[in-house]
Amino acid sequence: MSAKKETLDVTIMGRTYKVACSDGEREDLLTSVALLDRKMNEIKASGKVASAERIAVMAALNLANEMMGSKTGASGIDLESYRRRINSMQEVLDQALDPQEKLL
């Protein structure tokens, strides 16, 4: 049986996105959204990057770099679990962004 999905409205850098997530993923998703929003706004505030797409890519690279750096300093990190969660979030973001990209 698959987990029940719910749709949440999340705001990242002032834009609202509809995102589907499983019941048990809500808090993790909201935490991830807050982290991504903070990183993107930090990059935007630096004034070095203008477009939302480039800001998103830079934020993703920064977060990936931080995650990769943490695996060497911390013990017991389940990288496969991180990969599954990242893949799941990527699928959710792809679904949410696809209709919006067609508008551009």
PDB file of N, CA and C in Angstrom:
ATOM      1  N   MET A   1       0.841  -1.174   0.000  1.00  0.00           N
ATOM      2  CA  MET A   1       0.000   0.000   0.000  1.00  0.00           C
ATOM      3  C   MET A   1       0.885   1.236   0.000  1.00  0.00           C
ATOM      4  N   SER A   2       0.567   2.202  -0.843  1.00  0.00           N
ATOM      5  CA  SER A   2       1.373   3.420  -0.912  1.00  0.00           C
ATOM      6  C   SER A   2       0.931   4.406   0.158  1.00  0.00           C
ATOM      7  N   ALA A   3       1.860   5.264   0.550  1.00  0.00           N
ATOM      8  CA  ALA A   3       1.565   6.267   1.561  1.00  0.00           C
ATOM      9  C   ALA A   3       0.617   7.313   0.988  1.00  0.00           C
ATOM     10  N   LYS A   4      -0.268   7.813   1.844  1.00  0.00           N
ATOM     11  CA  LYS A   4      -1.215   8.841   1.428  1.00  0.00           C
ATOM     12  C   LYS A   4      -0.461  10.131   1.110  1.00  0.00           C
ATOM     13  N   LYS A   5      -0.803  10.762   0.005  1.00  0.00           N
ATOM     14  CA  LYS A   5      -0.168  12.006  -0.416  1.00  0.00           C
ATOM     15  C   LYS A   5      -1.067  13.184  -0.067  1.00  0.00           C
ATOM     16  N   GLU A   6      -0.431  14.279   0.309  1.00  0.00           N
ATOM     17  CA  GLU A   6      -1.148  15.528   0.514  1.00  0.00           C
ATOM     18  C   GLU A   6      -0.435  16.611  -0.267  1.00  0.00           C
ATOM     19  N   THR A   7      -1.142  17.673  -0.592  1.00  0.00           N
ATOM     20  CA  THR A   7      -0.553  18.781  -1.329  1.00  0.00           C
ATOM     21  C   THR A   7      -0.366  19.952  -0.384  1.00  0.00           C
ATOM     22  N   LEU A   8       0.837  20.494  -0.393  1.00  0.00           N
ATOM     23  CA  LEU A   8       1.149  21.643   0.440  1.00  0.00           C
ATOM     24  C   LEU A   8       1.496  22.830  -0.449  1.00  0.00           C
ATOM     25  N   ASP A   9       1.176  24.012  -0.001  1.00  0.00           N
ATOM     26  CA  ASP A   9       1.647  25.226  -0.647  1.00  0.00           C
ATOM     27  C   ASP A   9       2.878  25.665   0.127  1.00  0.00           C
ATOM     28  N   VAL A  10       4.009  25.754  -0.576  1.00  0.00           N
ATOM     29  CA  VAL A  10       5.253  26.201   0.052  1.00  0.00           C
ATOM     30  C   VAL A  10       5.742  27.432  -0.685  1.00  0.00           C
ATOM     31  N   THR A  11       6.452  28.287   0.035  1.00  0.00           N
ATOM     32  CA  THR A  11       6.971  29.509  -0.563  1.00  0.00           C
ATOM     33  C   THR A  11       8.486  29.489  -0.516  1.00  0.00           C
ATOM     34  N   ILE A  12       9.084  29.661  -1.690  1.00  0.00           N
ATOM     35  CA  ILE A  12      10.529  29.720  -1.815  1.00  0.00           C
ATOM     36  C   ILE A  12      10.868  31.005  -2.564  1.00  0.00           C
ATOM     37  N   MET A  13      11.624  31.840  -1.922  1.00  0.00           N
ATOM     38  CA  MET A  13      12.052  33.119  -2.486  1.00  0.00           C
ATOM     39  C   MET A  13      10.865  33.935  -3.013  1.00  0.00           C
ATOM     40  N   GLY A  14       9.803  33.949  -2.224  1.00  0.00           N
ATOM     41  CA  GLY A  14       8.646  34.767  -2.554  1.00  0.00           C
ATOM     42  C   GLY A  14       7.662  34.156  -3.534  1.00  0.00           C
ATOM     43  N   ARG A  15       7.968  32.970  -4.068  1.00  0.00           N
ATOM     44  CA  ARG A  15       7.057  32.311  -5.009  1.00  0.00           C
ATOM     45  C   ARG A  15       6.448  31.097  -4.343  1.00  0.00           C
ATOM     46  N   THR A  16       5.168  30.896  -4.591  1.00  0.00           N
ATOM     47  CA  THR A  16       4.453  29.777  -3.990  1.00  0.00           C
ATOM     48  C   THR A  16       4.393  28.604  -4.959  1.00  0.00           C
ATOM     49  N   TYR A  17       4.654  27.418  -4.432  1.00  0.00           N
ATOM     50  CA  TYR A  17       4.632  26.186  -5.218  1.00  0.00           C
ATOM     51  C   TYR A  17       3.738  25.177  -4.516  1.00  0.00           C
ATOM     52  N   LYS A  18       3.002  24.409  -5.305  1.00  0.00           N
ATOM     53  CA  LYS A  18       2.221  23.298  -4.774  1.00  0.00           C
ATOM     54  C   LYS A  18       3.104  22.065  -4.842  1.00  0.00           C
ATOM     55  N   VAL A  19       3.253  21.397  -3.696  1.00  0.00           N
ATOM     56  CA  VAL A  19       4.139  20.246  -3.607  1.00  0.00           C
ATOM     57  C   VAL A  19       3.386  19.100  -2.948  1.00  0.00           C
ATOM     58  N   ALA A  20       3.479  17.916  -3.547  1.00  0.00           N
ATOM     59  CA  ALA A  20       2.860  16.720  -2.973  1.00  0.00           C
ATOM     60  C   ALA A  20       3.882  16.014  -2.107  1.00  0.00           C
ATOM     61  N   CYS A  21       3.426  15.491  -0.969  1.00  0.00           N
ATOM     62  CA  CYS A  21       4.318  14.712  -0.110  1.00  0.00           C
ATOM     63  C   CYS A  21       3.503  13.683   0.655  1.00  0.00           C
ATOM     64  N   SER A  22       4.181  12.656   1.101  1.00  0.00           N
ATOM     65  CA  SER A  22       3.550  11.621   1.904  1.00  0.00           C
ATOM     66  C   SER A  22       3.297  12.145   3.309  1.00  0.00           C
ATOM     67  N   ASP A  23       2.364  11.510   3.997  1.00  0.00           N
ATOM     68  CA  ASP A  23       2.034  11.926   5.364  1.00  0.00           C
ATOM     69  C   ASP A  23       3.273  12.075   6.237  1.00  0.00           C
ATOM     70  N   GLY A  24       4.151  11.095   6.194  1.00  0.00           N
ATOM     71  CA  GLY A  24       5.309  11.091   7.064  1.00  0.00           C
ATOM     72  C   GLY A  24       6.435  12.014   6.641  1.00  0.00           C
ATOM     73  N   GLU A  25       6.322  12.655   5.494  1.00  0.00           N
ATOM     74  CA  GLU A  25       7.389  13.511   4.981  1.00  0.00           C
ATOM     75  C   GLU A  25       7.129  14.999   5.173  1.00  0.00           C
ATOM     76  N   ARG A  26       5.985  15.358   5.696  1.00  0.00           N
ATOM     77  CA  ARG A  26       5.589  16.768   5.791  1.00  0.00           C
ATOM     78  C   ARG A  26       6.617  17.623   6.527  1.00  0.00           C
ATOM     79  N   GLU A  27       6.994  17.217   7.727  1.00  0.00           N
ATOM     80  CA  GLU A  27       7.928  18.020   8.528  1.00  0.00           C
ATOM     81  C   GLU A  27       9.288  18.122   7.861  1.00  0.00           C
ATOM     82  N   ASP A  28       9.781  17.001   7.301  1.00  0.00           N
ATOM     83  CA  ASP A  28      11.066  17.033   6.596  1.00  0.00           C
ATOM     84  C   ASP A  28      10.995  17.953   5.385  1.00  0.00           C
ATOM     85  N   LEU A  29       9.890  17.898   4.662  1.00  0.00           N
ATOM     86  CA  LEU A  29       9.730  18.755   3.491  1.00  0.00           C
ATOM     87  C   LEU A  29       9.720  20.226   3.902  1.00  0.00           C
ATOM     88  N   LEU A  30       8.983  20.560   4.942  1.00  0.00           N
ATOM     89  CA  LEU A  30       8.916  21.950   5.393  1.00  0.00           C
ATOM     90  C   LEU A  30      10.278  22.442   5.886  1.00  0.00           C
ATOM     91  N   THR A  31      11.029  21.566   6.543  1.00  0.00           N
ATOM     92  CA  THR A  31      12.378  21.916   6.981  1.00  0.00           C
ATOM     93  C   THR A  31      13.276  22.148   5.771  1.00  0.00           C
ATOM     94  N   SER A  32      13.151  21.293   4.763  1.00  0.00           N
ATOM     95  CA  SER A  32      13.944  21.442   3.539  1.00  0.00           C
ATOM     96  C   SER A  32      13.589  22.726   2.808  1.00  0.00           C
ATOM     97  N   VAL A  33      12.308  23.039   2.741  1.00  0.00           N
ATOM     98  CA  VAL A  33      11.865  24.273   2.087  1.00  0.00           C
ATOM     99  C   VAL A  33      12.450  25.487   2.805  1.00  0.00           C
ATOM    100  N   ALA A  34      12.416  25.469   4.133  1.00  0.00           N
ATOM    101  CA  ALA A  34      12.959  26.599   4.898  1.00  0.00           C
ATOM    102  C   ALA A  34      14.460  26.754   4.654  1.00  0.00           C
ATOM    103  N   LEU A  35      15.175  25.648   4.614  1.00  0.00           N
ATOM    104  CA  LEU A  35      16.617  25.688   4.355  1.00  0.00           C
ATOM    105  C   LEU A  35      16.905  26.220   2.954  1.00  0.00           C
ATOM    106  N   LEU A  36      16.190  25.701   1.966  1.00  0.00           N
ATOM    107  CA  LEU A  36      16.392  26.149   0.594  1.00  0.00           C
ATOM    108  C   LEU A  36      16.043  27.624   0.436  1.00  0.00           C
ATOM    109  N   ASP A  37      14.942  28.038   1.022  1.00  0.00           N
ATOM    110  CA  ASP A  37      14.530  29.438   0.951  1.00  0.00           C
ATOM    111  C   ASP A  37      15.598  30.345   1.561  1.00  0.00           C
ATOM    112  N   ARG A  38      16.130  29.938   2.715  1.00  0.00           N
ATOM    113  CA  ARG A  38      17.166  30.735   3.369  1.00  0.00           C
ATOM    114  C   ARG A  38      18.422  30.830   2.489  1.00  0.00           C
ATOM    115  N   LYS A  39      18.868  29.701   1.938  1.00  0.00           N
ATOM    116  CA  LYS A  39      20.056  29.694   1.088  1.00  0.00           C
ATOM    117  C   LYS A  39      19.847  30.562  -0.153  1.00  0.00           C
ATOM    118  N   MET A  40      18.694  30.413  -0.794  1.00  0.00           N
ATOM    119  CA  MET A  40      18.432  31.187  -2.012  1.00  0.00           C
ATOM    120  C   MET A  40      18.379  32.679  -1.720  1.00  0.00           C
ATOM    121  N   ASN A  41      17.768  33.054  -0.602  1.00  0.00           N
ATOM    122  CA  ASN A  41      17.700  34.470  -0.246  1.00  0.00           C
ATOM    123  C   ASN A  41      19.077  35.020   0.118  1.00  0.00           C
ATOM    124  N   GLU A  42      19.935  34.207   0.732  1.00  0.00           N
ATOM    125  CA  GLU A  42      21.304  34.632   1.023  1.00  0.00           C
ATOM    126  C   GLU A  42      22.056  34.920  -0.280  1.00  0.00           C
ATOM    127  N   ILE A  43      21.902  34.027  -1.254  1.00  0.00           N
ATOM    128  CA  ILE A  43      22.580  34.198  -2.538  1.00  0.00           C
ATOM    129  C   ILE A  43      22.038  35.427  -3.254  1.00  0.00           C
ATOM    130  N   LYS A  44      20.715  35.591  -3.239  1.00  0.00           N
ATOM    131  CA  LYS A  44      20.100  36.758  -3.871  1.00  0.00           C
ATOM    132  C   LYS A  44      20.600  38.049  -3.225  1.00  0.00           C
ATOM    133  N   ALA A  45      20.694  38.045  -1.894  1.00  0.00           N
ATOM    134  CA  ALA A  45      21.124  39.244  -1.167  1.00  0.00           C
ATOM    135  C   ALA A  45      22.578  39.600  -1.451  1.00  0.00           C
ATOM    136  N   SER A  46      23.379  38.615  -1.836  1.00  0.00           N
ATOM    137  CA  SER A  46      24.787  38.894  -2.141  1.00  0.00           C
ATOM    138  C   SER A  46      24.923  39.767  -3.380  1.00  0.00           C
ATOM    139  N   GLY A  47      23.884  39.747  -4.232  1.00  0.00           N
ATOM    140  CA  GLY A  47      23.878  40.579  -5.421  1.00  0.00           C
ATOM    141  C   GLY A  47      24.730  40.063  -6.562  1.00  0.00           C
ATOM    142  N   LYS A  48      25.343  38.910  -6.392  1.00  0.00           N
ATOM    143  CA  LYS A  48      26.228  38.378  -7.431  1.00  0.00           C
ATOM    144  C   LYS A  48      25.478  37.565  -8.486  1.00  0.00           C
ATOM    145  N   VAL A  49      24.290  37.092  -8.140  1.00  0.00           N
ATOM    146  CA  VAL A  49      23.505  36.266  -9.053  1.00  0.00           C
ATOM    147  C   VAL A  49      22.108  36.856  -9.119  1.00  0.00           C
ATOM    148  N   ALA A  50      21.573  37.014 -10.341  1.00  0.00           N
ATOM    149  CA  ALA A  50      20.295  37.706 -10.495  1.00  0.00           C
ATOM    150  C   ALA A  50      19.114  36.776 -10.776  1.00  0.00           C
ATOM    151  N   SER A  51      19.262  35.852 -11.705  1.00  0.00           N
ATOM    152  CA  SER A  51      18.103  35.071 -12.115  1.00  0.00           C
ATOM    153  C   SER A  51      17.760  33.996 -11.077  1.00  0.00           C
ATOM    154  N   ALA A  52      16.475  33.736 -10.926  1.00  0.00           N
ATOM    155  CA  ALA A  52      16.002  32.741  -9.965  1.00  0.00           C
ATOM    156  C   ALA A  52      16.568  31.356 -10.286  1.00  0.00           C
ATOM    157  N   GLU A  53      16.692  31.052 -11.563  1.00  0.00           N
ATOM    158  CA  GLU A  53      17.227  29.745 -11.957  1.00  0.00           C
ATOM    159  C   GLU A  53      18.675  29.593 -11.504  1.00  0.00           C
ATOM    160  N   ARG A  54      19.476  30.602 -11.723  1.00  0.00           N
ATOM    161  CA  ARG A  54      20.890  30.540 -11.312  1.00  0.00           C
ATOM    162  C   ARG A  54      21.011  30.524  -9.791  1.00  0.00           C
ATOM    163  N   ILE A  55      20.157  31.272  -9.120  1.00  0.00           N
ATOM    164  CA  ILE A  55      20.162  31.267  -7.658  1.00  0.00           C
ATOM    165  C   ILE A  55      19.836  29.867  -7.155  1.00  0.00           C
ATOM    166  N   ALA A  56      18.855  29.201  -7.774  1.00  0.00           N
ATOM    167  CA  ALA A  56      18.475  27.847  -7.370  1.00  0.00           C
ATOM    168  C   ALA A  56      19.620  26.861  -7.582  1.00  0.00           C
ATOM    169  N   VAL A  57      20.308  26.979  -8.716  1.00  0.00           N
ATOM    170  CA  VAL A  57      21.438  26.084  -8.992  1.00  0.00           C
ATOM    171  C   VAL A  57      22.553  26.318  -7.983  1.00  0.00           C
ATOM    172  N   MET A  58      22.872  27.563  -7.697  1.00  0.00           N
ATOM    173  CA  MET A  58      23.929  27.858  -6.730  1.00  0.00           C
ATOM    174  C   MET A  58      23.550  27.357  -5.341  1.00  0.00           C
ATOM    175  N   ALA A  59      22.294  27.514  -4.954  1.00  0.00           N
ATOM    176  CA  ALA A  59      21.842  27.016  -3.655  1.00  0.00           C
ATOM    177  C   ALA A  59      21.960  25.492  -3.598  1.00  0.00           C
ATOM    178  N   ALA A  60      21.568  24.826  -4.681  1.00  0.00           N
ATOM    179  CA  ALA A  60      21.668  23.363  -4.720  1.00  0.00           C
ATOM    180  C   ALA A  60      23.120  22.914  -4.604  1.00  0.00           C
ATOM    181  N   LEU A  61      24.019  23.597  -5.304  1.00  0.00           N
ATOM    182  CA  LEU A  61      25.440  23.259  -5.217  1.00  0.00           C
ATOM    183  C   LEU A  61      25.984  23.493  -3.810  1.00  0.00           C
ATOM    184  N   ASN A  62      25.613  24.604  -3.198  1.00  0.00           N
ATOM    185  CA  ASN A  62      26.060  24.879  -1.831  1.00  0.00           C
ATOM    186  C   ASN A  62      25.563  23.826  -0.854  1.00  0.00           C
ATOM    187  N   LEU A  63      24.286  23.467  -0.961  1.00  0.00           N
ATOM    188  CA  LEU A  63      23.724  22.460  -0.062  1.00  0.00           C
ATOM    189  C   LEU A  63      24.358  21.086  -0.282  1.00  0.00           C
ATOM    190  N   ALA A  64      24.569  20.727  -1.546  1.00  0.00           N
ATOM    191  CA  ALA A  64      25.211  19.441  -1.850  1.00  0.00           C
ATOM    192  C   ALA A  64      26.634  19.425  -1.291  1.00  0.00           C
ATOM    193  N   ASN A  65      27.351  20.529  -1.454  1.00  0.00           N
ATOM    194  CA  ASN A  65      28.706  20.624  -0.933  1.00  0.00           C
ATOM    195  C   ASN A  65      28.718  20.479   0.590  1.00  0.00           C
ATOM    196  N   GLU A  66      27.790  21.140   1.260  1.00  0.00           N
ATOM    197  CA  GLU A  66      27.695  21.026   2.720  1.00  0.00           C
ATOM    198  C   GLU A  66      27.397  19.592   3.140  1.00  0.00           C
ATOM    199  N   MET A  67      26.495  18.947   2.414  1.00  0.00           N
ATOM    200  CA  MET A  67      26.138  17.567   2.748  1.00  0.00           C
ATOM    201  C   MET A  67      27.340  16.645   2.544  1.00  0.00           C
ATOM    202  N   MET A  68      28.048  16.819   1.439  1.00  0.00           N
ATOM    203  CA  MET A  68      29.197  15.969   1.155  1.00  0.00           C
ATOM    204  C   MET A  68      30.301  16.206   2.189  1.00  0.00           C
ATOM    205  N   GLY A  69      30.468  17.435   2.616  1.00  0.00           N
ATOM    206  CA  GLY A  69      31.469  17.739   3.639  1.00  0.00           C
ATOM    207  C   GLY A  69      31.116  17.141   4.980  1.00  0.00           C
ATOM    208  N   SER A  70      29.834  17.061   5.280  1.00  0.00           N
ATOM    209  CA  SER A  70      29.410  16.535   6.575  1.00  0.00           C
ATOM    210  C   SER A  70      29.599  15.031   6.671  1.00  0.00           C
ATOM    211  N   LYS A  71      29.619  14.336   5.552  1.00  0.00           N
ATOM    212  CA  LYS A  71      29.744  12.874   5.626  1.00  0.00           C
ATOM    213  C   LYS A  71      31.118  12.449   6.121  1.00  0.00           C
ATOM    214  N   THR A  72      32.136  13.294   5.921  1.00  0.00           N
ATOM    215  CA  THR A  72      33.474  12.921   6.376  1.00  0.00           C
ATOM    216  C   THR A  72      33.673  13.261   7.847  1.00  0.00           C
ATOM    217  N   GLY A  73      32.945  14.252   8.339  1.00  0.00           N
ATOM    218  CA  GLY A  73      33.145  14.668   9.724  1.00  0.00           C
ATOM    219  C   GLY A  73      32.229  13.982  10.713  1.00  0.00           C
ATOM    220  N   ALA A  74      31.173  13.387  10.257  1.00  0.00           N
ATOM    221  CA  ALA A  74      30.201  12.767  11.158  1.00  0.00           C
ATOM    222  C   ALA A  74      30.172  11.267  10.920  1.00  0.00           C
ATOM    223  N   SER A  75      29.944  10.543  11.969  1.00  0.00           N
ATOM    224  CA  SER A  75      29.853   9.091  11.820  1.00  0.00           C
ATOM    225  C   SER A  75      28.396   8.665  11.821  1.00  0.00           C
ATOM    226  N   GLY A  76      28.132   7.578  11.143  1.00  0.00           N
ATOM    227  CA  GLY A  76      26.793   7.011  11.161  1.00  0.00           C
ATOM    228  C   GLY A  76      25.814   7.650  10.207  1.00  0.00           C
ATOM    229  N   ILE A  77      26.266   8.419   9.248  1.00  0.00           N
ATOM    230  CA  ILE A  77      25.357   9.028   8.280  1.00  0.00           C
ATOM    231  C   ILE A  77      24.966   7.980   7.247  1.00  0.00           C
ATOM    232  N   ASP A  78      23.696   7.816   7.059  1.00  0.00           N
ATOM    233  CA  ASP A  78      23.171   6.861   6.087  1.00  0.00           C
ATOM    234  C   ASP A  78      23.025   7.572   4.746  1.00  0.00           C
ATOM    235  N   LEU A  79      24.072   7.498   3.914  1.00  0.00           N
ATOM    236  CA  LEU A  79      24.056   8.207   2.640  1.00  0.00           C
ATOM    237  C   LEU A  79      22.970   7.694   1.707  1.00  0.00           C
ATOM    238  N   GLU A  80      22.678   6.412   1.775  1.00  0.00           N
ATOM    239  CA  GLU A  80      21.627   5.865   0.910  1.00  0.00           C
ATOM    240  C   GLU A  80      20.271   6.475   1.263  1.00  0.00           C
ATOM    241  N   SER A  81      20.041   6.680   2.542  1.00  0.00           N
ATOM    242  CA  SER A  81      18.806   7.344   2.973  1.00  0.00           C
ATOM    243  C   SER A  81      18.754   8.774   2.444  1.00  0.00           C
ATOM    244  N   TYR A  82      19.871   9.494   2.513  1.00  0.00           N
ATOM    245  CA  TYR A  82      19.929  10.841   1.949  1.00  0.00           C
ATOM    246  C   TYR A  82      19.621  10.808   0.457  1.00  0.00           C
ATOM    247  N   ARG A  83      20.226   9.862  -0.249  1.00  0.00           N
ATOM    248  CA  ARG A  83      19.999   9.762  -1.694  1.00  0.00           C
ATOM    249  C   ARG A  83      18.524   9.520  -1.998  1.00  0.00           C
ATOM    250  N   ARG A  84      17.894   8.620  -1.253  1.00  0.00           N
ATOM    251  CA  ARG A  84      16.469   8.341  -1.473  1.00  0.00           C
ATOM    252  C   ARG A  84      15.637   9.589  -1.218  1.00  0.00           C
ATOM    253  N   ARG A  85      15.934  10.296  -0.132  1.00  0.00           N
ATOM    254  CA  ARG A  85      15.168  11.493   0.209  1.00  0.00           C
ATOM    255  C   ARG A  85      15.380  12.590  -0.826  1.00  0.00           C
ATOM    256  N   ILE A  86      16.616  12.760  -1.277  1.00  0.00           N
ATOM    257  CA  ILE A  86      16.904  13.770  -2.299  1.00  0.00           C
ATOM    258  C   ILE A  86      16.196  13.422  -3.600  1.00  0.00           C
ATOM    259  N   ASN A  87      16.236  12.153  -3.992  1.00  0.00           N
ATOM    260  CA  ASN A  87      15.536  11.731  -5.209  1.00  0.00           C
ATOM    261  C   ASN A  87      14.038  11.963  -5.081  1.00  0.00           C
ATOM    262  N   SER A  88      13.490  11.657  -3.918  1.00  0.00           N
ATOM    263  CA  SER A  88      12.062  11.876  -3.685  1.00  0.00           C
ATOM    264  C   SER A  88      11.718  13.363  -3.773  1.00  0.00           C
ATOM    265  N   MET A  89      12.551  14.206  -3.154  1.00  0.00           N
ATOM    266  CA  MET A  89      12.304  15.649  -3.211  1.00  0.00           C
ATOM    267  C   MET A  89      12.460  16.173  -4.635  1.00  0.00           C
ATOM    268  N   GLN A  90      13.423  15.617  -5.376  1.00  0.00           N
ATOM    269  CA  GLN A  90      13.627  16.037  -6.765  1.00  0.00           C
ATOM    270  C   GLN A  90      12.387  15.726  -7.600  1.00  0.00           C
ATOM    271  N   GLU A  91      11.809  14.538  -7.395  1.00  0.00           N
ATOM    272  CA  GLU A  91      10.598  14.169  -8.132  1.00  0.00           C
ATOM    273  C   GLU A  91       9.460  15.126  -7.807  1.00  0.00           C
ATOM    274  N   VAL A  92       9.321  15.452  -6.525  1.00  0.00           N
ATOM    275  CA  VAL A  92       8.261  16.368  -6.102  1.00  0.00           C
ATOM    276  C   VAL A  92       8.474  17.748  -6.722  1.00  0.00           C
ATOM    277  N   LEU A  93       9.710  18.235  -6.691  1.00  0.00           N
ATOM    278  CA  LEU A  93       9.998  19.548  -7.278  1.00  0.00           C
ATOM    279  C   LEU A  93       9.785  19.544  -8.786  1.00  0.00           C
ATOM    280  N   ASP A  94      10.199  18.465  -9.449  1.00  0.00           N
ATOM    281  CA  ASP A  94       9.975  18.371 -10.898  1.00  0.00           C
ATOM    282  C   ASP A  94       8.493  18.450 -11.223  1.00  0.00           C
ATOM    283  N   GLN A  95       7.674  17.753 -10.448  1.00  0.00           N
ATOM    284  CA  GLN A  95       6.225  17.775 -10.679  1.00  0.00           C
ATOM    285  C   GLN A  95       5.664  19.175 -10.436  1.00  0.00           C
ATOM    286  N   ALA A  96       6.172  19.838  -9.413  1.00  0.00           N
ATOM    287  CA  ALA A  96       5.654  21.161  -9.077  1.00  0.00           C
ATOM    288  C   ALA A  96       6.112  22.221 -10.078  1.00  0.00           C
ATOM    289  N   LEU A  97       7.343  22.110 -10.562  1.00  0.00           N
ATOM    290  CA  LEU A  97       7.894  23.137 -11.436  1.00  0.00           C
ATOM    291  C   LEU A  97       7.532  22.954 -12.899  1.00  0.00           C
ATOM    292  N   ASP A  98       7.224  21.735 -13.315  1.00  0.00           N
ATOM    293  CA  ASP A  98       6.939  21.464 -14.722  1.00  0.00           C
ATOM    294  C   ASP A  98       5.835  22.355 -15.289  1.00  0.00           C
ATOM    295  N   PRO A  99       4.670  22.441 -14.640  1.00  0.00           N
ATOM    296  CA  PRO A  99       3.621  23.306 -15.211  1.00  0.00           C
ATOM    297  C   PRO A  99       4.020  24.789 -15.214  1.00  0.00           C
ATOM    298  N   GLN A 100       4.798  25.203 -14.226  1.00  0.00           N
ATOM    299  CA  GLN A 100       5.194  26.604 -14.142  1.00  0.00           C
ATOM    300  C   GLN A 100       6.232  26.945 -15.209  1.00  0.00           C
ATOM    301  N   GLU A 101       7.116  26.010 -15.535  1.00  0.00           N
ATOM    302  CA  GLU A 101       8.124  26.263 -16.574  1.00  0.00           C
ATOM    303  C   GLU A 101       7.470  26.365 -17.948  1.00  0.00           C
ATOM    304  N   LYS A 102       6.370  25.675 -18.154  1.00  0.00           N
ATOM    305  CA  LYS A 102       5.668  25.758 -19.432  1.00  0.00           C
ATOM    306  C   LYS A 102       5.093  27.150 -19.660  1.00  0.00           C
ATOM    307  N   LEU A 103       4.843  27.877 -18.567  1.00  0.00           N
ATOM    308  CA  LEU A 103       4.313  29.228 -18.675  1.00  0.00           C
ATOM    309  C   LEU A 103       5.384  30.218 -19.124  1.00  0.00           C
ATOM    310  N   LEU A 104       6.652  29.886 -18.876  1.00  0.00           N
ATOM    311  CA  LEU A 104       7.750  30.783 -19.233  1.00  0.00           C
ATOM    312  C   LEU A 104       8.048  30.582 -20.656  1.00  0.00           C
TER     313      LEU A 104
END
